[in-house]
Amino acid sequence: MCAVPSLPVSVVHFCQGFFVASLHTSTAKMVSEKCLAKGSAAPGPVPKDKIRIYSMRFCPFAQRARLVLAAKGINHETVNIHLKEKPEWFLAKNPLGLVPTLETPAGEIIYESPITCDYLDEVYAGKKLLPSSPYGKAQQKMMLEHFSKVVPLFYKIPMGRRNGDDVSGLETELKEKFGKLNEDLVKKKSKFFDGDSITMIDYMMWPWFERLVALRLENCMDGTPELKKWTELMWEDPAVKATMHSADAHRAFMESFAAGKPDYDYGL
């Protein structure tokens, strides 16, 4: 997970806590759908024909990497981690204790969501999600940098409401950010943010839009018809369908987190 700048520690902790249906044939093995916590036994070596992702079912940052794995049809296995009681063996692999973390059969460790996604796209064959030109890649990275300034609002507004604060200013700010994304789509005259097919930037942004209803932020999309069309198209994407949770499930997890007892295994 990329650190979210200028957020209280509690918000950062919340972010940390937060078929394969493609044109390719692949298998996705769940080594541990239920999360592994402190004191658990470490999983064995990564099989030679797979890559392993250490994840958490409700984490939007980890979902970025899971979207790429699904979209590219990469043969992988998943180990879910209890982010409040992290296993010692996981911290030995990644001292920051963040998800997503990738592990290769050679024992190589890769983490931070944009880095893991770029790695998967570069190393594995199949549909390329990043543009081939250096300029095209730079444009997507700049777009991602702009979106990184939007992400904190997805947490600040619900937390402010929970604390009884006036969040009207923050809601206005989020509406303005959504308005700029809408304008971007209008100017490009495209269905997605880098053309008429889904690319990396769409997957990097999507997890927070999946959570709009659960966060009760859908009203902030009023007046953004092109952005709404984008979300409708994204809901139909096979990789999105393969990695999604319902609004009710997201809300239940968020409520458990807010109560201080995050239920990482909700619904299992």
Protein backbone atom coordinates (compact mmCIF):
# COMPACT_ATOMS: atom_id res chain seq x y z
CA MET A 1 0.00 0.00 0.00
CA CYS A 2 1.26 3.48 -0.80
CA ALA A 3 1.30 5.70 2.26
CA VAL A 4 -1.49 8.27 2.16
CA PRO A 5 0.08 11.67 2.87
CA SER A 6 -1.24 14.22 5.35
CA LEU A 7 -3.66 11.84 7.05
CA PRO A 8 -4.04 11.11 10.76
CA VAL A 9 -2.57 7.82 11.91
CA SER A 10 -6.05 6.40 12.38
CA VAL A 11 -6.91 7.09 8.75
CA VAL A 12 -3.69 5.52 7.50
CA HIS A 13 -4.44 2.43 9.57
CA PHE A 14 -7.93 2.35 8.03
CA CYS A 15 -6.38 2.48 4.56
CA GLN A 16 -4.06 -0.37 5.47
CA GLY A 17 -7.06 -2.24 6.69
CA PHE A 18 -8.99 -1.46 3.69
CA PHE A 19 -12.77 -16.94 -12.88
CA VAL A 20 -10.23 -15.37 -13.47
CA ALA A 21 -12.46 -14.11 -16.24
CA SER A 22 -10.21 -12.89 -19.00
CA LEU A 23 -9.22 -13.85 -22.47
CA HIS A 24 -6.49 -16.04 -20.98
CA THR A 25 -6.69 -19.35 -19.17
CA SER A 26 -5.39 -19.29 -15.62
CA THR A 27 -5.95 -20.62 -12.14
CA ALA A 28 -6.08 -18.68 -8.92
CA LYS A 29 -5.46 -20.78 -5.84
CA MET A 30 -6.50 -19.48 -2.42
CA VAL A 31 -3.85 -20.75 -0.01
CA SER A 32 -5.69 -19.07 2.84
CA GLU A 33 -9.00 -17.28 2.25
CA LYS A 34 -9.24 -16.75 5.98
CA CYS A 35 -6.53 -14.37 7.09
CA LEU A 36 -3.37 -15.61 8.77
CA ALA A 37 -2.42 -13.85 11.98
CA LYS A 38 0.45 -13.64 14.44
CA GLY A 39 1.52 -17.11 15.53
CA SER A 40 0.35 -18.81 12.35
CA ALA A 41 2.58 -21.14 10.38
CA ALA A 42 4.22 -19.67 7.30
CA PRO A 43 3.05 -21.00 3.93
CA GLY A 44 5.52 -23.12 2.01
CA PRO A 45 7.60 -22.06 -0.99
CA VAL A 46 5.84 -20.44 -3.93
CA PRO A 47 5.19 -23.06 -6.64
CA LYS A 48 7.38 -22.64 -9.71
CA ASP A 49 4.44 -21.99 -12.04
CA LYS A 50 2.82 -19.33 -9.83
CA ILE A 51 3.30 -16.00 -8.15
CA ARG A 52 1.94 -15.41 -4.64
CA ILE A 53 0.07 -12.32 -3.50
CA TYR A 54 -0.24 -11.46 0.18
CA SER A 55 -3.50 -9.59 0.39
CA MET A 56 -6.50 -8.63 2.50
CA ARG A 57 -9.97 -9.18 1.09
CA PHE A 58 -11.27 -5.65 1.73
CA CYS A 59 -8.11 -3.63 1.05
CA PRO A 60 -8.48 -1.30 -1.97
CA PHE A 61 -4.72 -1.12 -2.46
CA ALA A 62 -4.42 -4.91 -2.59
CA GLN A 63 -7.40 -5.02 -4.93
CA ARG A 64 -5.37 -3.05 -7.47
CA ALA A 65 -2.91 -5.93 -7.79
CA ARG A 66 -5.68 -8.53 -7.74
CA LEU A 67 -7.38 -6.71 -10.63
CA VAL A 68 -4.17 -6.89 -12.67
CA LEU A 69 -3.69 -10.57 -11.84
CA ALA A 70 -7.23 -11.29 -13.00
CA ALA A 71 -7.11 -9.07 -16.09
CA LYS A 72 -3.91 -10.68 -17.34
CA GLY A 73 -4.92 -14.21 -16.41
CA ILE A 74 -1.82 -14.74 -14.27
CA ASN A 75 -1.50 -18.08 -12.50
CA HIS A 76 -1.27 -17.12 -8.84
CA GLU A 77 -2.14 -18.01 -5.28
CA THR A 78 -3.44 -15.76 -2.54
CA VAL A 79 -2.55 -15.59 1.15
CA ASN A 80 -4.71 -13.20 3.17
CA ILE A 81 -3.08 -11.40 6.09
CA HIS A 82 -4.53 -10.19 9.40
CA LEU A 83 -3.34 -6.58 9.27
CA LYS A 84 -3.86 -5.88 12.96
CA GLU A 85 -1.99 -8.98 14.14
CA LYS A 86 0.53 -9.54 11.36
CA PRO A 87 2.37 -12.86 11.31
CA GLU A 88 6.04 -12.69 12.22
CA TRP A 89 6.98 -14.53 9.03
CA PHE A 90 5.14 -11.92 6.95
CA LEU A 91 7.01 -9.05 8.62
CA ALA A 92 10.25 -10.90 7.88
CA LYS A 93 9.33 -10.78 4.19
CA ASN A 94 8.06 -7.19 4.23
CA PRO A 95 9.10 -5.20 7.33
CA LEU A 96 6.50 -2.53 6.45
CA GLY A 97 3.78 -5.15 6.80
CA LEU A 98 1.81 -3.79 3.87
CA VAL A 99 -0.44 -5.46 1.32
CA PRO A 100 -0.28 -6.07 -1.55
CA THR A 101 3.03 -7.90 -1.40
CA LEU A 102 4.15 -10.25 -4.15
CA GLU A 103 6.51 -13.21 -3.74
CA THR A 104 8.05 -15.05 -6.68
CA PRO A 105 9.21 -18.69 -6.73
CA ALA A 106 12.76 -17.34 -6.38
CA GLY A 107 11.78 -15.65 -3.09
CA GLU A 108 11.83 -12.14 -4.57
CA ILE A 109 9.56 -9.71 -2.71
CA ILE A 110 7.77 -6.78 -4.36
CA TYR A 111 5.41 -4.37 -2.59
CA GLU A 112 3.57 -1.01 -2.89
CA SER A 113 0.49 -1.27 -5.09
CA PRO A 114 1.64 0.76 -8.15
CA ILE A 115 4.98 -1.07 -8.13
CA THR A 116 3.39 -4.52 -7.88
CA CYS A 117 0.99 -3.70 -10.73
CA ASP A 118 3.75 -2.38 -13.00
CA TYR A 119 5.84 -5.46 -12.22
CA LEU A 120 3.02 -7.84 -13.14
CA ASP A 121 2.35 -6.02 -16.39
CA GLU A 122 6.01 -6.00 -17.39
CA VAL A 123 6.90 -9.57 -16.44
CA TYR A 124 3.83 -11.46 -17.63
CA ALA A 125 2.63 -11.96 -21.19
CA GLY A 126 -0.87 -11.27 -22.37
CA LYS A 127 -2.79 -8.04 -22.51
CA LYS A 128 -0.53 -5.09 -21.74
CA LEU A 129 -2.22 -2.62 -19.41
CA LEU A 130 0.41 0.11 -19.61
CA PRO A 131 1.10 2.05 -22.84
CA SER A 132 4.16 1.00 -24.81
CA SER A 133 5.57 4.51 -25.20
CA PRO A 134 7.51 6.21 -22.37
CA TYR A 135 5.31 9.29 -22.78
CA GLY A 136 2.14 7.24 -22.52
CA LYS A 137 3.42 5.59 -19.35
CA ALA A 138 4.38 8.99 -17.94
CA GLN A 139 0.89 10.32 -18.63
CA GLN A 140 -0.69 7.45 -16.69
CA LYS A 141 1.69 7.96 -13.77
CA MET A 142 0.86 11.68 -13.69
CA MET A 143 -2.84 10.83 -13.72
CA LEU A 144 -2.29 8.41 -10.85
CA GLU A 145 -0.43 11.08 -8.91
CA HIS A 146 -3.42 13.41 -9.31
CA PHE A 147 -5.80 10.66 -8.17
CA SER A 148 -3.65 10.00 -5.10
CA LYS A 149 -4.75 13.46 -3.90
CA VAL A 150 -8.39 12.35 -4.15
CA VAL A 151 -8.04 9.13 -2.14
CA PRO A 152 -7.79 10.78 1.33
CA LEU A 153 -11.25 12.31 0.86
CA PHE A 154 -12.79 8.83 0.66
CA TYR A 155 -11.68 8.37 4.29
CA LYS A 156 -11.88 11.88 5.72
CA ILE A 157 -15.56 12.38 4.86
CA PRO A 158 -16.92 9.18 6.49
CA MET A 159 -14.67 9.66 9.53
CA GLY A 160 -15.81 13.25 9.85
CA ARG A 161 -19.45 12.20 9.72
CA ARG A 162 -18.80 9.55 12.34
CA ASN A 163 -17.28 12.22 14.60
CA GLY A 164 -20.19 14.60 14.04
CA ASP A 165 -18.07 17.09 12.07
CA ASP A 166 -19.30 19.38 9.31
CA VAL A 167 -18.02 17.67 6.15
CA SER A 168 -19.81 19.86 3.61
CA GLY A 169 -16.53 21.47 2.57
CA LEU A 170 -14.89 18.10 2.04
CA GLU A 171 -17.91 16.88 0.06
CA THR A 172 -17.67 19.96 -2.15
CA GLU A 173 -13.99 19.25 -2.69
CA LEU A 174 -14.70 15.64 -3.68
CA LYS A 175 -17.42 16.79 -6.09
CA GLU A 176 -14.91 19.15 -7.69
CA LYS A 177 -12.38 16.34 -8.04
CA PHE A 178 -15.00 14.11 -9.63
CA GLY A 179 -15.94 16.99 -11.93
CA LYS A 180 -12.35 17.20 -13.17
CA LEU A 181 -12.30 13.45 -13.84
CA ASN A 182 -15.54 13.87 -15.78
CA GLU A 183 -14.00 16.71 -17.81
CA ASP A 184 -11.01 14.52 -18.58
CA LEU A 185 -13.26 11.87 -20.11
CA VAL A 186 -15.17 14.52 -22.08
CA LYS A 187 -11.95 15.99 -23.51
CA LYS A 188 -10.57 12.59 -24.45
CA LYS A 189 -13.90 11.49 -25.97
CA SER A 190 -13.15 7.99 -24.72
CA LYS A 191 -14.96 5.38 -22.62
CA PHE A 192 -12.02 4.90 -20.27
CA PHE A 193 -9.22 7.11 -19.00
CA ASP A 194 -6.72 6.15 -21.69
CA GLY A 195 -8.82 5.08 -24.65
CA ASP A 196 -11.77 2.85 -25.40
CA SER A 197 -10.46 -0.17 -23.52
CA ILE A 198 -9.50 -0.60 -19.89
CA THR A 199 -5.86 0.14 -19.04
CA MET A 200 -3.80 0.29 -15.87
CA ILE A 201 -5.04 3.70 -14.73
CA ASP A 202 -8.65 2.50 -14.71
CA TYR A 203 -7.75 -0.42 -12.45
CA MET A 204 -5.66 1.81 -10.19
CA MET A 205 -8.63 4.11 -9.58
CA TRP A 206 -11.46 1.60 -9.51
CA PRO A 207 -11.32 0.17 -5.95
CA TRP A 208 -12.47 3.46 -4.41
CA PHE A 209 -15.38 3.81 -6.82
CA GLU A 210 -16.46 0.27 -5.93
CA ARG A 211 -16.77 1.51 -2.35
CA LEU A 212 -18.74 4.71 -3.09
CA VAL A 213 -22.10 3.32 -1.98
CA ALA A 214 -20.65 1.66 1.11
CA LEU A 215 -19.03 5.00 2.04
CA ARG A 216 -22.27 6.86 1.23
CA LEU A 217 -20.45 9.11 -1.23
CA GLU A 218 -22.42 8.34 -4.39
CA ASN A 219 -24.14 11.77 -4.25
CA CYS A 220 -20.74 13.34 -4.91
CA MET A 221 -20.99 12.00 -8.48
CA ASP A 222 -24.05 14.12 -9.27
CA GLY A 223 -23.44 16.14 -12.42
CA THR A 224 -20.73 13.83 -13.79
CA PRO A 225 -22.47 11.84 -16.54
CA GLU A 226 -19.31 10.61 -18.28
CA LEU A 227 -17.78 9.47 -15.00
CA LYS A 228 -21.00 7.61 -14.20
CA LYS A 229 -20.83 5.90 -17.61
CA TRP A 230 -17.24 4.89 -16.81
CA THR A 231 -18.32 3.27 -13.54
CA GLU A 232 -21.14 1.41 -15.33
CA LEU A 233 -18.64 0.03 -17.87
CA MET A 234 -16.18 -0.91 -15.14
CA TRP A 235 -18.84 -2.94 -13.30
CA GLU A 236 -19.12 -5.11 -16.42
CA ASP A 237 -15.40 -5.90 -16.58
CA PRO A 238 -14.55 -9.55 -15.83
CA ALA A 239 -11.60 -8.64 -13.58
CA VAL A 240 -13.78 -6.27 -11.57
CA LYS A 241 -16.43 -8.98 -11.19
CA ALA A 242 -13.75 -11.45 -10.07
CA THR A 243 -12.39 -9.21 -7.29
CA MET A 244 -15.42 -7.26 -6.09
CA HIS A 245 -17.41 -7.32 -2.86
CA SER A 246 -20.96 -6.04 -2.44
CA ALA A 247 -21.63 -2.65 -0.87
CA ASP A 248 -23.14 -4.47 2.13
CA ALA A 249 -19.97 -6.50 2.63
CA HIS A 250 -17.75 -3.43 2.36
CA ARG A 251 -19.97 -1.55 4.81
CA ALA A 252 -19.95 -4.43 7.29
CA PHE A 253 -16.16 -4.55 7.22
CA MET A 254 -15.88 -0.78 7.61
CA GLU A 255 -18.25 -0.82 10.58
CA SER A 256 -16.23 -3.58 12.23
CA PHE A 257 -13.07 -1.57 11.67
CA ALA A 258 -14.62 1.59 13.12
CA ALA A 259 -15.64 -0.44 16.18
CA GLY A 260 -11.99 -1.41 16.69
CA LYS A 261 -12.50 -5.07 15.78
CA PRO A 262 -11.88 -5.39 12.03
CA ASP A 263 -13.50 -8.55 10.70
CA TYR A 264 -11.07 -9.44 7.93
CA ASP A 265 -12.90 -12.74 7.43
CA TYR A 266 -16.39 -11.21 7.14
CA GLY A 267 -18.68 -13.42 5.07
CA LEU A 268 -16.51 -16.54 5.18
